[in-house]
Amino acid sequence: MTQADYDSFNQDSVSETVNTHATPHIDLTVNHIDMDEKLFVVIVVRQFTDYPVICAKDVVGEKNKVEAIRGRVYCRSRRMPETTEIQTPEDMREVIDLGFYKHLERYLRQRDIENRVSGTPGEQGFDKQAKDLLG
């Protein structure tokens, strides 16, 4: 990779370019690595936090080839290290299950917070909350 290409991959521009084509946004980190006098850029993409990411705008590559299609959901293939459209009912079920579990986790966290905050009223409630916080 040339120095100019290496330098062109900065966090803001990569995030902006990628997230122009995704909804909700993709959480990613751009890492620059200089190893054995060779330059590498590693883009770490994290799993969605709330909802599966859907392609929001076609991605057109070289020679006007459409690389990703608006409205499609993409996932990591089990066959080889690649990103591909969801191709099987099993892949779709996994995405749906993952979204369900993420929502369930968020709901349980919110309920836990509500339960901690809505303790016994008055001075007794304050003392209990303080004791719980201080251990």
N, C-alpha and C. Protein backbone atom coordinates (compact mmCIF):
# COMPACT_ATOMS: atom_id res chain seq x y z
N MET A 1 0.85 -1.16 0.00
CA MET A 1 0.00 0.00 0.00
C MET A 1 0.90 1.24 0.00
N THR A 2 0.55 2.18 -0.82
CA THR A 2 1.36 3.40 -0.86
C THR A 2 1.08 4.25 0.38
N GLN A 3 2.00 5.15 0.69
CA GLN A 3 1.82 6.04 1.83
C GLN A 3 0.57 6.89 1.66
N ALA A 4 0.31 7.35 0.44
CA ALA A 4 -0.87 8.19 0.18
C ALA A 4 -2.16 7.41 0.45
N ASP A 5 -2.21 6.15 -0.02
CA ASP A 5 -3.39 5.31 0.25
C ASP A 5 -3.53 5.07 1.75
N TYR A 6 -2.43 4.74 2.39
CA TYR A 6 -2.40 4.49 3.83
C TYR A 6 -2.95 5.69 4.60
N ASP A 7 -2.48 6.87 4.24
CA ASP A 7 -2.91 8.09 4.92
C ASP A 7 -4.37 8.44 4.63
N SER A 8 -4.88 7.99 3.48
CA SER A 8 -6.26 8.34 3.11
C SER A 8 -7.30 7.60 3.96
N PHE A 9 -6.91 6.54 4.62
CA PHE A 9 -7.83 5.78 5.46
C PHE A 9 -7.82 6.35 6.87
N ASN A 10 -8.64 7.38 7.09
CA ASN A 10 -8.74 7.90 8.46
C ASN A 10 -10.13 7.57 9.00
N GLN A 11 -10.24 7.57 10.31
CA GLN A 11 -11.48 7.13 10.98
C GLN A 11 -12.70 7.87 10.46
N ASP A 12 -12.62 9.18 10.38
CA ASP A 12 -13.79 9.97 9.99
C ASP A 12 -14.23 9.69 8.55
N SER A 13 -13.29 9.68 7.62
CA SER A 13 -13.68 9.49 6.22
C SER A 13 -14.19 8.08 5.95
N VAL A 14 -13.57 7.09 6.57
CA VAL A 14 -14.03 5.71 6.37
C VAL A 14 -15.43 5.54 6.98
N SER A 15 -15.62 6.04 8.20
CA SER A 15 -16.94 5.94 8.84
C SER A 15 -18.01 6.64 8.00
N GLU A 16 -17.69 7.82 7.52
CA GLU A 16 -18.66 8.56 6.70
C GLU A 16 -18.99 7.81 5.41
N THR A 17 -17.97 7.31 4.73
CA THR A 17 -18.20 6.60 3.48
C THR A 17 -19.03 5.34 3.69
N VAL A 18 -18.67 4.55 4.70
CA VAL A 18 -19.38 3.30 4.97
C VAL A 18 -20.81 3.59 5.40
N ASN A 19 -20.97 4.54 6.32
CA ASN A 19 -22.29 4.78 6.89
C ASN A 19 -23.23 5.53 5.97
N THR A 20 -22.74 6.04 4.86
CA THR A 20 -23.61 6.58 3.81
C THR A 20 -24.45 5.46 3.21
N HIS A 21 -23.93 4.23 3.31
CA HIS A 21 -24.58 3.09 2.69
C HIS A 21 -25.22 2.14 3.69
N ALA A 22 -25.33 2.53 4.95
CA ALA A 22 -25.82 1.61 5.97
C ALA A 22 -26.79 2.28 6.93
N THR A 23 -27.79 1.52 7.33
CA THR A 23 -28.71 1.99 8.37
C THR A 23 -29.11 0.83 9.25
N PRO A 24 -29.03 0.93 10.57
CA PRO A 24 -28.38 2.01 11.31
C PRO A 24 -26.88 2.00 11.06
N HIS A 25 -26.17 2.97 11.62
CA HIS A 25 -24.75 3.11 11.32
C HIS A 25 -23.95 1.87 11.77
N ILE A 26 -22.82 1.70 11.15
CA ILE A 26 -21.91 0.60 11.46
C ILE A 26 -20.83 1.13 12.40
N ASP A 27 -20.62 0.41 13.49
CA ASP A 27 -19.60 0.79 14.46
C ASP A 27 -18.29 0.15 14.00
N LEU A 28 -17.34 0.98 13.61
CA LEU A 28 -16.07 0.46 13.10
C LEU A 28 -14.90 1.28 13.60
N THR A 29 -13.73 0.68 13.55
CA THR A 29 -12.50 1.35 13.94
C THR A 29 -11.46 1.11 12.84
N VAL A 30 -10.75 2.18 12.47
CA VAL A 30 -9.69 2.09 11.47
C VAL A 30 -8.35 2.05 12.21
N ASN A 31 -7.59 0.99 11.96
CA ASN A 31 -6.27 0.83 12.58
C ASN A 31 -5.20 0.86 11.50
N HIS A 32 -4.13 1.61 11.76
CA HIS A 32 -2.99 1.67 10.85
C HIS A 32 -1.86 0.82 11.42
N ILE A 33 -1.30 -0.04 10.58
CA ILE A 33 -0.23 -0.93 11.03
C ILE A 33 0.95 -0.81 10.07
N ASP A 34 2.12 -0.62 10.64
CA ASP A 34 3.37 -0.60 9.88
C ASP A 34 4.16 -1.83 10.34
N MET A 35 4.24 -2.85 9.47
CA MET A 35 4.88 -4.10 9.84
C MET A 35 5.89 -4.50 8.76
N ASP A 36 7.10 -4.74 9.18
CA ASP A 36 8.17 -5.15 8.25
C ASP A 36 8.27 -4.19 7.07
N GLU A 37 8.19 -2.90 7.39
CA GLU A 37 8.29 -1.84 6.39
C GLU A 37 7.18 -1.90 5.35
N LYS A 38 6.06 -2.53 5.70
CA LYS A 38 4.88 -2.56 4.84
C LYS A 38 3.74 -1.90 5.59
N LEU A 39 2.89 -1.21 4.85
CA LEU A 39 1.78 -0.48 5.45
C LEU A 39 0.48 -1.24 5.26
N PHE A 40 -0.29 -1.36 6.35
CA PHE A 40 -1.57 -2.05 6.32
C PHE A 40 -2.61 -1.19 7.01
N VAL A 41 -3.83 -1.28 6.53
CA VAL A 41 -4.97 -0.67 7.20
C VAL A 41 -5.93 -1.81 7.55
N VAL A 42 -6.30 -1.88 8.81
CA VAL A 42 -7.25 -2.90 9.28
C VAL A 42 -8.50 -2.16 9.74
N ILE A 43 -9.62 -2.55 9.18
CA ILE A 43 -10.90 -1.95 9.58
C ILE A 43 -11.66 -3.01 10.39
N VAL A 44 -11.86 -2.70 11.66
CA VAL A 44 -12.56 -3.62 12.57
C VAL A 44 -14.03 -3.20 12.60
N VAL A 45 -14.90 -4.12 12.22
CA VAL A 45 -16.34 -3.86 12.20
C VAL A 45 -16.99 -4.65 13.32
N ARG A 46 -17.68 -3.93 14.21
CA ARG A 46 -18.33 -4.59 15.34
C ARG A 46 -19.74 -5.02 14.97
N GLN A 47 -20.21 -6.02 15.69
CA GLN A 47 -21.55 -6.53 15.51
C GLN A 47 -22.57 -5.43 15.82
N PHE A 48 -23.71 -5.48 15.16
CA PHE A 48 -24.73 -4.44 15.40
C PHE A 48 -25.16 -4.44 16.86
N THR A 49 -25.56 -3.27 17.35
CA THR A 49 -25.93 -3.15 18.76
C THR A 49 -27.43 -3.29 18.99
N ASP A 50 -28.25 -2.79 18.10
CA ASP A 50 -29.70 -2.82 18.30
C ASP A 50 -30.43 -3.57 17.18
N TYR A 51 -30.25 -3.10 15.98
CA TYR A 51 -30.95 -3.66 14.82
C TYR A 51 -29.94 -4.11 13.78
N PRO A 52 -30.27 -5.16 13.03
CA PRO A 52 -29.37 -5.56 11.94
C PRO A 52 -29.17 -4.41 10.96
N VAL A 53 -27.98 -4.32 10.41
CA VAL A 53 -27.65 -3.25 9.48
C VAL A 53 -28.18 -3.62 8.09
N ILE A 54 -28.83 -2.66 7.47
CA ILE A 54 -29.40 -2.86 6.14
C ILE A 54 -28.70 -1.90 5.18
N CYS A 55 -28.43 -2.36 4.00
CA CYS A 55 -27.82 -1.50 2.99
C CYS A 55 -28.82 -0.39 2.64
N ALA A 56 -28.42 0.86 2.83
CA ALA A 56 -29.30 2.01 2.63
C ALA A 56 -29.18 2.62 1.24
N LYS A 57 -28.10 2.28 0.54
CA LYS A 57 -27.83 2.89 -0.76
C LYS A 57 -26.93 1.93 -1.52
N ASP A 58 -27.21 1.70 -2.79
CA ASP A 58 -26.36 0.81 -3.59
C ASP A 58 -24.90 1.22 -3.49
N VAL A 59 -24.03 0.23 -3.45
CA VAL A 59 -22.59 0.46 -3.48
C VAL A 59 -22.12 0.04 -4.87
N VAL A 60 -21.62 1.01 -5.62
CA VAL A 60 -21.17 0.74 -6.98
C VAL A 60 -19.65 0.77 -7.00
N GLY A 61 -19.05 -0.32 -7.47
CA GLY A 61 -17.60 -0.45 -7.50
C GLY A 61 -17.03 -0.14 -8.86
N GLU A 62 -15.89 -0.75 -9.11
CA GLU A 62 -15.21 -0.54 -10.39
C GLU A 62 -16.07 -1.06 -11.54
N LYS A 63 -15.94 -0.39 -12.68
CA LYS A 63 -16.67 -0.74 -13.90
C LYS A 63 -18.18 -0.76 -13.66
N ASN A 64 -18.66 0.11 -12.75
CA ASN A 64 -20.08 0.24 -12.43
C ASN A 64 -20.74 -1.05 -11.95
N LYS A 65 -19.93 -1.94 -11.36
CA LYS A 65 -20.48 -3.18 -10.81
C LYS A 65 -21.11 -2.88 -9.45
N VAL A 66 -22.35 -3.31 -9.25
CA VAL A 66 -23.03 -3.09 -7.98
C VAL A 66 -22.52 -4.13 -6.98
N GLU A 67 -21.89 -3.65 -5.92
CA GLU A 67 -21.28 -4.53 -4.91
C GLU A 67 -22.24 -4.85 -3.76
N ALA A 68 -23.13 -3.91 -3.44
CA ALA A 68 -24.13 -4.11 -2.40
C ALA A 68 -25.41 -3.41 -2.85
N ILE A 69 -26.54 -4.03 -2.58
CA ILE A 69 -27.82 -3.54 -3.09
C ILE A 69 -28.68 -2.98 -1.97
N ARG A 70 -29.24 -1.81 -2.21
CA ARG A 70 -30.12 -1.15 -1.24
C ARG A 70 -31.22 -2.11 -0.78
N GLY A 71 -31.45 -2.13 0.54
CA GLY A 71 -32.51 -2.96 1.10
C GLY A 71 -32.09 -4.36 1.49
N ARG A 72 -30.87 -4.74 1.17
CA ARG A 72 -30.39 -6.09 1.48
C ARG A 72 -29.65 -6.12 2.81
N VAL A 73 -29.65 -7.28 3.44
CA VAL A 73 -28.90 -7.52 4.67
C VAL A 73 -27.75 -8.45 4.33
N TYR A 74 -26.55 -8.09 4.79
CA TYR A 74 -25.36 -8.87 4.50
C TYR A 74 -24.83 -9.48 5.79
N CYS A 75 -24.17 -10.62 5.66
CA CYS A 75 -23.62 -11.31 6.84
C CYS A 75 -22.30 -11.97 6.45
N ARG A 76 -21.59 -12.47 7.46
CA ARG A 76 -20.37 -13.22 7.19
C ARG A 76 -20.76 -14.64 6.79
N SER A 77 -20.16 -15.12 5.74
CA SER A 77 -20.43 -16.47 5.24
C SER A 77 -19.77 -17.52 6.13
N ARG A 78 -20.38 -18.67 6.21
CA ARG A 78 -19.76 -19.79 6.94
C ARG A 78 -18.87 -20.61 6.01
N ARG A 79 -19.07 -20.45 4.72
CA ARG A 79 -18.33 -21.25 3.76
C ARG A 79 -16.89 -20.78 3.59
N MET A 80 -16.69 -19.46 3.64
CA MET A 80 -15.36 -18.89 3.45
C MET A 80 -15.35 -17.48 4.03
N PRO A 81 -14.19 -16.89 4.26
CA PRO A 81 -14.15 -15.54 4.83
C PRO A 81 -14.59 -14.49 3.81
N GLU A 82 -15.88 -14.23 3.80
CA GLU A 82 -16.45 -13.27 2.87
C GLU A 82 -17.72 -12.68 3.48
N THR A 83 -18.12 -11.55 2.97
CA THR A 83 -19.41 -10.98 3.33
C THR A 83 -20.34 -11.23 2.16
N THR A 84 -21.53 -11.69 2.47
CA THR A 84 -22.48 -12.05 1.42
C THR A 84 -23.89 -11.69 1.85
N GLU A 85 -24.79 -11.60 0.89
CA GLU A 85 -26.20 -11.41 1.23
C GLU A 85 -26.66 -12.63 2.03
N ILE A 86 -27.67 -12.42 2.85
CA ILE A 86 -28.27 -13.57 3.54
C ILE A 86 -28.85 -14.46 2.47
N GLN A 87 -28.43 -15.73 2.48
CA GLN A 87 -28.80 -16.64 1.40
C GLN A 87 -29.69 -17.79 1.84
N THR A 88 -29.72 -18.08 3.14
CA THR A 88 -30.49 -19.23 3.58
C THR A 88 -31.44 -18.83 4.70
N PRO A 89 -32.50 -19.59 4.88
CA PRO A 89 -33.41 -19.32 6.01
C PRO A 89 -32.68 -19.38 7.36
N GLU A 90 -31.69 -20.26 7.46
CA GLU A 90 -30.93 -20.39 8.71
C GLU A 90 -30.16 -19.10 9.01
N ASP A 91 -29.54 -18.52 7.99
CA ASP A 91 -28.83 -17.25 8.17
C ASP A 91 -29.79 -16.16 8.65
N MET A 92 -30.97 -16.09 8.05
CA MET A 92 -31.96 -15.08 8.43
C MET A 92 -32.42 -15.32 9.87
N ARG A 93 -32.66 -16.57 10.23
CA ARG A 93 -33.07 -16.87 11.60
C ARG A 93 -32.01 -16.45 12.61
N GLU A 94 -30.75 -16.66 12.28
CA GLU A 94 -29.67 -16.25 13.18
C GLU A 94 -29.66 -14.73 13.38
N VAL A 95 -29.86 -13.98 12.32
CA VAL A 95 -29.89 -12.53 12.43
C VAL A 95 -31.09 -12.10 13.28
N ILE A 96 -32.24 -12.71 13.05
CA ILE A 96 -33.43 -12.38 13.83
C ILE A 96 -33.22 -12.74 15.30
N ASP A 97 -32.68 -13.93 15.57
CA ASP A 97 -32.40 -14.34 16.95
C ASP A 97 -31.43 -13.39 17.63
N LEU A 98 -30.39 -13.01 16.93
CA LEU A 98 -29.40 -12.10 17.51
C LEU A 98 -30.04 -10.76 17.86
N GLY A 99 -30.87 -10.24 16.96
CA GLY A 99 -31.58 -8.99 17.24
C GLY A 99 -32.50 -9.13 18.44
N PHE A 100 -33.20 -10.27 18.54
CA PHE A 100 -34.09 -10.51 19.68
C PHE A 100 -33.30 -10.53 20.98
N TYR A 101 -32.18 -11.24 21.03
CA TYR A 101 -31.38 -11.33 22.24
C TYR A 101 -30.80 -9.97 22.64
N LYS A 102 -30.41 -9.18 21.65
CA LYS A 102 -29.89 -7.85 21.96
C LYS A 102 -30.98 -6.97 22.57
N HIS A 103 -32.19 -7.05 22.05
CA HIS A 103 -33.30 -6.29 22.62
C HIS A 103 -33.65 -6.80 24.01
N LEU A 104 -33.62 -8.10 24.21
CA LEU A 104 -33.91 -8.67 25.52
C LEU A 104 -32.87 -8.20 26.55
N GLU A 105 -31.60 -8.22 26.18
CA GLU A 105 -30.55 -7.75 27.08
C GLU A 105 -30.77 -6.28 27.46
N ARG A 106 -31.09 -5.45 26.46
CA ARG A 106 -31.34 -4.03 26.73
C ARG A 106 -32.54 -3.86 27.65
N TYR A 107 -33.61 -4.61 27.41
CA TYR A 107 -34.80 -4.53 28.25
C TYR A 107 -34.47 -4.93 29.70
N LEU A 108 -33.72 -6.01 29.87
CA LEU A 108 -33.38 -6.46 31.22
C LEU A 108 -32.49 -5.45 31.94
N ARG A 109 -31.55 -4.82 31.22
CA ARG A 109 -30.72 -3.78 31.83
C ARG A 109 -31.58 -2.60 32.28
N GLN A 110 -32.53 -2.19 31.43
CA GLN A 110 -33.41 -1.08 31.79
C GLN A 110 -34.26 -1.43 33.01
N ARG A 111 -34.78 -2.63 33.05
CA ARG A 111 -35.59 -3.06 34.20
C ARG A 111 -34.74 -3.07 35.47
N ASP A 112 -33.51 -3.51 35.37
CA ASP A 112 -32.62 -3.54 36.53
C ASP A 112 -32.38 -2.13 37.05
N ILE A 113 -32.14 -1.19 36.14
CA ILE A 113 -31.94 0.20 36.53
C ILE A 113 -33.21 0.75 37.19
N GLU A 114 -34.37 0.49 36.58
CA GLU A 114 -35.63 0.97 37.16
C GLU A 114 -35.84 0.40 38.56
N ASN A 115 -35.54 -0.88 38.74
CA ASN A 115 -35.72 -1.51 40.05
C ASN A 115 -34.79 -0.91 41.09
N ARG A 116 -33.56 -0.58 40.69
CA ARG A 116 -32.62 0.02 41.63
C ARG A 116 -33.05 1.43 42.03
N VAL A 117 -33.59 2.17 41.07
CA VAL A 117 -33.98 3.56 41.32
C VAL A 117 -35.29 3.64 42.10
N SER A 118 -36.21 2.72 41.88
CA SER A 118 -37.54 2.82 42.49
C SER A 118 -37.64 2.10 43.83
N GLY A 119 -36.54 2.08 44.57
CA GLY A 119 -36.53 1.42 45.88
C GLY A 119 -37.52 2.03 46.85
N THR A 120 -37.38 1.70 48.11
CA THR A 120 -38.27 2.17 49.17
C THR A 120 -38.18 3.69 49.29
N PRO A 121 -39.33 4.39 49.41
CA PRO A 121 -39.30 5.85 49.48
C PRO A 121 -38.76 6.36 50.82
N GLY A 122 -38.37 7.63 50.83
CA GLY A 122 -37.97 8.29 52.07
C GLY A 122 -36.56 7.94 52.49
N GLU A 123 -36.28 8.27 53.76
CA GLU A 123 -34.94 8.09 54.32
C GLU A 123 -34.51 6.63 54.31
N GLN A 124 -35.44 5.75 54.59
CA GLN A 124 -35.12 4.31 54.60
C GLN A 124 -34.67 3.87 53.20
N GLY A 125 -35.38 4.35 52.16
CA GLY A 125 -35.01 4.02 50.79
C GLY A 125 -33.65 4.56 50.42
N PHE A 126 -33.36 5.80 50.86
CA PHE A 126 -32.06 6.40 50.59
C PHE A 126 -30.95 5.59 51.25
N ASP A 127 -31.16 5.21 52.49
CA ASP A 127 -30.14 4.42 53.21
C ASP A 127 -29.90 3.09 52.50
N LYS A 128 -30.97 2.45 52.04
CA LYS A 128 -30.82 1.16 51.35
C LYS A 128 -30.05 1.33 50.05
N GLN A 129 -30.41 2.38 49.28
CA GLN A 129 -29.72 2.62 48.02
C GLN A 129 -28.25 2.94 48.25
N ALA A 130 -27.96 3.75 49.25
CA ALA A 130 -26.57 4.09 49.56
C ALA A 130 -25.79 2.85 49.96
N LYS A 131 -26.39 2.01 50.76
CA LYS A 131 -25.74 0.76 51.18
C LYS A 131 -25.49 -0.14 49.99
N ASP A 132 -26.48 -0.25 49.08
CA ASP A 132 -26.30 -1.07 47.88
C ASP A 132 -25.18 -0.54 47.01
N LEU A 133 -25.08 0.78 46.87
CA LEU A 133 -24.05 1.37 46.02
C LEU A 133 -22.65 1.21 46.63
N LEU A 134 -22.57 1.35 47.93
CA LEU A 134 -21.27 1.28 48.59
C LEU A 134 -20.83 -0.15 48.91
N GLY A 135 -21.76 -1.05 48.74
CA GLY A 135 -21.42 -2.46 48.93
C GLY A 135 -21.50 -2.84 50.36
